[in-house]
Protein backbone atom coordinates (compact mmCIF):
# COMPACT_ATOMS: atom_id res chain seq x y z
CA MET A 1 6.02 -119.26 -107.85
CA GLU A 2 7.80 -117.65 -104.84
CA LYS A 3 5.26 -117.20 -101.93
CA PHE A 4 7.57 -115.41 -99.32
CA LEU A 5 11.65 -114.92 -98.91
CA ILE A 6 12.81 -114.36 -95.59
CA SER A 7 16.11 -114.05 -93.68
CA LEU A 8 17.03 -114.79 -90.11
CA ASP A 9 20.64 -115.49 -88.77
CA GLY A 10 21.17 -119.19 -88.26
CA LYS A 11 21.60 -118.88 -84.73
CA THR A 12 18.63 -117.63 -83.64
CA TRP A 13 17.04 -119.93 -86.35
CA ASN A 14 18.85 -123.15 -84.93
CA THR A 15 18.10 -121.89 -81.46
CA ILE A 16 13.91 -121.84 -82.22
CA LEU A 17 14.39 -125.71 -83.90
CA LYS A 18 15.91 -127.01 -80.83
CA ALA A 19 12.79 -125.61 -78.68
CA ILE A 20 10.39 -126.93 -80.91
CA MET A 21 12.69 -130.24 -80.49
CA GLN A 22 11.69 -130.13 -77.14
CA ILE A 23 7.73 -130.85 -77.99
CA ASP A 24 7.32 -132.22 -81.21
CA ASP A 25 10.02 -133.15 -84.35
CA THR A 26 6.82 -131.91 -86.32
CA ALA A 27 5.75 -128.46 -86.85
CA ILE A 28 3.15 -126.05 -87.76
CA ALA A 29 4.16 -122.44 -89.61
CA THR A 30 1.64 -119.71 -90.44
CA ILE A 31 3.34 -116.48 -92.08
CA ASN A 32 1.05 -113.56 -93.48
CA ASN A 33 2.69 -109.51 -93.91
CA ASP A 34 2.94 -109.34 -90.41
CA TYR A 35 4.81 -111.83 -88.79
CA LEU A 36 5.59 -116.07 -88.49
CA THR A 37 4.46 -117.95 -86.00
CA LEU A 38 5.19 -121.60 -85.43
CA GLU A 39 3.49 -123.56 -83.17
CA ALA A 40 3.58 -128.05 -82.00
CA LEU A 41 2.42 -129.91 -79.77
CA ASP A 42 3.67 -133.39 -77.95
CA SER A 43 1.93 -136.46 -78.88
CA ALA A 44 -0.02 -136.42 -74.95
CA HIS A 45 -1.88 -133.10 -75.73
CA VAL A 46 -0.13 -132.12 -72.69
CA ALA A 47 2.60 -129.20 -73.90
CA ALA A 48 2.62 -126.75 -76.51
CA ILE A 49 4.99 -124.61 -78.13
CA LYS A 50 4.06 -121.08 -79.82
CA VAL A 51 7.45 -119.01 -81.51
CA PHE A 52 6.46 -115.69 -82.50
CA LEU A 53 8.42 -113.57 -84.88
CA PRO A 54 7.09 -110.00 -86.29
CA ASN A 55 8.62 -109.02 -89.21
CA TYR A 56 10.46 -106.40 -87.43
CA PHE A 57 12.53 -109.29 -86.39
CA PHE A 58 14.16 -110.21 -89.40
CA SER A 59 17.02 -109.12 -91.65
CA TYR A 60 14.59 -109.52 -94.54
CA PHE A 61 11.02 -110.29 -94.52
CA ASN A 62 8.88 -110.15 -98.38
CA TYR A 63 5.00 -112.17 -98.03
CA LYS A 64 4.50 -112.41 -102.13
CA ASP A 65 1.39 -114.57 -101.79
CA TYR A 66 -0.88 -111.85 -102.87
CA GLU A 67 -4.01 -114.40 -103.16
CA HIS A 68 -4.02 -115.69 -99.53
CA GLU A 69 -4.31 -113.60 -96.96
CA LYS A 70 -2.08 -115.93 -94.63
CA LEU A 71 -0.32 -119.29 -95.55
CA GLU A 72 0.26 -122.13 -93.37
CA PHE A 73 2.26 -125.34 -93.85
CA GLY A 74 3.66 -128.34 -91.42
CA PHE A 75 6.94 -129.15 -91.22
CA ASP A 76 9.49 -132.03 -90.29
CA VAL A 77 11.90 -129.76 -87.70
CA LYS A 78 14.76 -132.77 -86.82
CA PRO A 79 16.45 -132.85 -90.27
CA LEU A 80 16.05 -129.18 -91.22
CA TYR A 81 18.14 -128.80 -87.58
CA ASN A 82 20.14 -131.49 -88.47
CA THR A 83 21.34 -129.59 -92.02
CA LEU A 84 21.51 -126.50 -90.49
CA LYS A 85 23.16 -126.57 -87.38
CA THR A 86 26.35 -125.97 -88.45
CA PHE A 87 25.24 -122.87 -89.94
CA ASN A 88 24.89 -120.42 -86.50
CA LYS A 89 27.14 -117.63 -87.99
CA ASP A 90 25.33 -117.39 -91.99
CA THR A 91 22.20 -115.56 -92.37
CA ILE A 92 19.53 -118.00 -93.83
CA ASP A 93 17.43 -117.21 -96.66
CA ILE A 94 13.92 -119.43 -95.95
CA ALA A 95 11.56 -119.36 -98.96
CA LEU A 96 8.14 -121.37 -99.63
CA ASP A 97 7.98 -122.63 -103.51
CA ASP A 98 4.90 -124.78 -104.05
CA LYS A 99 4.91 -127.40 -101.94
CA THR A 100 8.57 -127.29 -101.20
CA LEU A 101 10.62 -125.60 -98.40
CA SER A 102 13.72 -124.12 -99.46
CA PHE A 103 17.15 -122.81 -96.76
CA LYS A 104 20.24 -120.55 -98.92
CA ILE A 105 22.97 -119.87 -97.20
CA ASN A 106 25.47 -117.16 -98.69
CA ASN A 107 24.57 -118.48 -102.01
CA ASN A 108 26.21 -121.67 -102.31
CA PHE A 109 24.19 -124.63 -100.55
CA LYS A 110 20.70 -124.78 -100.83
CA PHE A 111 18.73 -127.28 -98.80
CA GLU A 112 14.99 -128.33 -99.86
CA PHE A 113 12.89 -129.92 -97.39
CA PRO A 114 8.76 -131.13 -98.51
CA VAL A 115 6.19 -129.64 -96.67
CA ILE A 116 4.01 -132.11 -95.38
CA GLU A 117 0.10 -131.80 -94.45
CA THR A 118 -0.86 -131.16 -91.17
CA GLN A 119 -3.74 -130.38 -88.97
CA LYS A 120 -3.89 -127.93 -85.92
CA ASP A 121 -5.19 -130.18 -83.22
CA PHE A 122 -3.97 -128.09 -80.30
CA PRO A 123 -5.61 -124.48 -81.15
CA ILE A 124 -2.91 -122.20 -78.92
CA GLU A 125 -5.22 -118.72 -80.05
CA LYS A 126 -7.78 -120.70 -77.68
CA ILE A 127 -5.67 -120.98 -74.96
CA GLU A 128 -4.65 -117.40 -75.00
CA SER A 129 -7.71 -116.01 -75.49
CA SER A 130 -9.38 -118.10 -72.47
CA THR A 131 -6.61 -118.18 -70.20
CA ASP A 132 -5.29 -115.56 -67.57
CA PHE A 133 -1.46 -115.19 -67.32
CA SER A 134 -1.28 -112.25 -65.25
CA ASN A 135 0.28 -114.44 -62.51
CA TYR A 136 4.02 -114.23 -63.05
CA VAL A 137 7.53 -114.13 -62.66
CA LYS A 138 10.44 -113.40 -64.12
CA LEU A 139 13.45 -114.56 -63.23
CA GLU A 140 17.07 -114.97 -64.60
CA THR A 141 17.65 -118.03 -66.62
CA LYS A 142 20.78 -119.22 -65.64
CA LYS A 143 19.40 -119.74 -61.88
CA LEU A 144 16.60 -121.57 -63.19
CA SER A 145 18.93 -124.01 -64.91
CA GLN A 146 20.81 -124.51 -61.70
CA VAL A 147 17.65 -126.01 -60.44
CA ILE A 148 16.61 -128.19 -63.42
CA ASN A 149 20.31 -129.59 -63.37
CA ILE A 150 19.45 -130.71 -60.20
CA LEU A 151 16.53 -132.01 -60.41
CA LYS A 152 17.93 -134.41 -63.37
CA GLN A 153 20.32 -136.10 -60.80
CA ARG A 154 17.69 -136.45 -58.78
CA LYS A 155 14.59 -137.51 -60.48
CA SER A 156 13.63 -141.48 -60.43
CA LYS A 157 13.18 -144.25 -63.06
CA TYR A 158 9.09 -144.36 -61.72
CA HIS A 159 8.12 -141.12 -62.13
CA GLU A 160 6.47 -141.16 -59.18
CA ASP A 161 8.18 -138.08 -58.45
CA VAL A 162 6.70 -134.49 -56.94
CA PHE A 163 7.20 -131.51 -58.90
CA ARG A 164 5.61 -127.97 -57.48
CA LEU A 165 5.11 -124.54 -58.20
CA ASP A 166 3.84 -122.27 -55.61
CA LEU A 167 3.31 -118.32 -56.78
CA ASN A 168 2.93 -115.99 -54.51
CA GLU A 169 3.54 -112.62 -53.25
CA LYS A 170 7.37 -113.05 -51.76
CA GLY A 171 7.54 -114.37 -55.33
CA LEU A 172 8.67 -118.38 -56.83
CA GLY A 173 8.78 -121.45 -54.47
CA ILE A 174 9.84 -124.79 -56.29
CA VAL A 175 9.21 -128.11 -54.65
CA PHE A 176 10.63 -131.24 -55.40
CA ILE A 177 9.96 -134.51 -53.41
CA ASN A 178 11.78 -137.77 -54.95
CA HIS A 179 9.79 -140.86 -53.62
CA ASP A 180 12.46 -143.27 -53.97
CA THR A 181 15.43 -141.60 -51.89
CA LEU A 182 12.65 -139.46 -49.64
CA GLU A 183 14.23 -136.54 -50.40
CA LYS A 184 12.43 -133.14 -50.27
CA LEU A 185 14.29 -129.96 -52.37
CA SER A 186 12.84 -126.64 -52.24
CA PHE A 187 14.09 -123.69 -53.86
CA ASN A 188 13.04 -120.07 -53.42
CA PHE A 189 13.07 -117.15 -55.96
CA THR A 190 12.15 -114.05 -54.10
CA ASP A 191 14.69 -111.21 -53.65
CA ASN A 192 16.40 -112.45 -57.15
CA LEU A 193 13.50 -111.69 -59.45
CA ILE A 194 13.94 -109.08 -62.39
CA ALA A 195 9.86 -108.57 -62.23
CA LYS A 196 7.04 -110.03 -60.27
CA ASN A 197 3.20 -109.83 -60.95
CA VAL A 198 1.28 -111.96 -58.46
CA LYS A 199 -2.21 -111.48 -57.79
CA GLU A 200 -3.01 -114.45 -56.51
CA SER A 201 -1.64 -117.18 -54.72
CA LEU A 202 -1.16 -120.44 -57.17
CA THR A 203 0.27 -123.70 -56.21
CA ARG A 204 0.23 -126.68 -59.26
CA ILE A 205 1.70 -130.07 -59.15
CA PHE A 206 3.89 -130.38 -62.77
CA ASP A 207 5.20 -133.68 -64.90
CA ILE A 208 8.92 -133.55 -63.62
CA GLU A 209 9.71 -134.68 -67.73
CA TYR A 210 8.09 -132.31 -69.17
CA ILE A 211 9.65 -129.42 -66.32
CA ILE A 212 12.80 -130.69 -67.49
CA LYS A 213 12.55 -130.06 -70.97
CA LEU A 214 10.91 -127.13 -70.68
CA LEU A 215 12.87 -125.11 -67.83
CA GLY A 216 16.08 -123.44 -67.42
CA LYS A 217 16.32 -123.57 -71.44
CA GLU A 218 19.08 -121.11 -72.13
CA PHE A 219 17.30 -119.56 -74.79
CA SER A 220 17.29 -115.99 -73.43
CA TYR A 221 18.35 -114.18 -70.78
CA ILE A 222 15.12 -114.42 -69.13
CA THR A 223 12.84 -116.60 -68.38
CA LYS A 224 9.10 -115.51 -67.49
CA ILE A 225 7.14 -118.14 -65.30
CA ALA A 226 2.83 -117.49 -65.66
CA ILE A 227 0.22 -119.64 -63.95
CA ALA A 228 -2.97 -119.55 -64.66
CA PRO A 229 -5.71 -120.20 -61.97
CA THR A 230 -6.75 -123.10 -64.99
CA GLY A 231 -3.19 -124.87 -63.48
CA VAL A 232 -2.07 -124.13 -66.72
CA LEU A 233 2.05 -123.05 -66.91
CA LYS A 234 3.68 -120.91 -69.79
CA VAL A 235 6.69 -121.00 -69.78
CA ILE A 236 8.55 -117.82 -72.38
CA TYR A 237 11.92 -116.95 -73.23
CA PRO A 238 11.98 -113.12 -75.27
CA LEU A 239 14.28 -113.51 -77.56
CA THR A 240 14.49 -109.53 -78.11
CA ALA A 241 14.19 -106.59 -75.54
CA TYR A 242 10.58 -106.52 -77.56
CA GLU A 243 8.74 -109.03 -74.95
CA SER A 244 6.31 -110.05 -77.85
CA VAL A 245 9.13 -111.72 -79.80
CA GLU A 246 9.18 -114.84 -77.39
CA ILE A 247 9.28 -118.58 -77.50
CA ALA A 248 6.48 -119.99 -74.88
CA TYR A 249 5.49 -122.96 -73.57
CA TYR A 250 2.28 -124.36 -72.33
CA LEU A 251 1.76 -126.74 -70.09
CA ALA A 252 -1.27 -128.70 -68.34
CA PRO A 253 -1.09 -129.52 -64.75
CA LYS A 254 -1.14 -133.48 -63.32
CA ILE A 255 -4.44 -134.28 -62.60
CA SER A 256 -3.44 -136.40 -59.09
CA GLU A 257 -0.33 -137.95 -57.43
């Protein structure tokens, strides 16, 4: 029995799968009448991702499982992406039938993948309900991507680099120190911000390997960067003008240097 049927353009779907693979190759999906969410946690339990897609975001959305208020299931992301990445210009119909997740393209191609057993080890809902992410800035992703490309070239092989984010009344500051070369690079985003809401100045250090994976991704024209008083970093890529339709990354700060 088909439990739901939804349709989404291939380009957006592949963007989402690619974003999840920055964290892990396995994801957990939750679907009900109102939305679909996709979540993943990295093996070190340091970073996570949540993709929130309300029903109106889809070209077609029909939740058919009347016996359950919601469905939760896991799937392997990488084989899906490797199969679907060439269908960016097509509409993809996605359905769950018993324990098989199927993808149909123009009624000509159908790909079926097994649903896997998963367990939520990192409940993002608890982070959102207990963490204040009201301190944030918004900037152009393209400008942030320039910084990340520089850092990719500079980072050492010994993981002793320092990457610091400074959120203050002036905007966003990025500091990178390479202990191998003794280089110190500083980037300031102040006048060129799209939006700013900084109530408290915060400075936190994050792992450079994760930062390169999560920042500067051109999933969206805009990147929203928020730092909680606890030090948790939230990086948001809005998928539409409706800010709740988004790809959101979460990253814990480094404890010490």
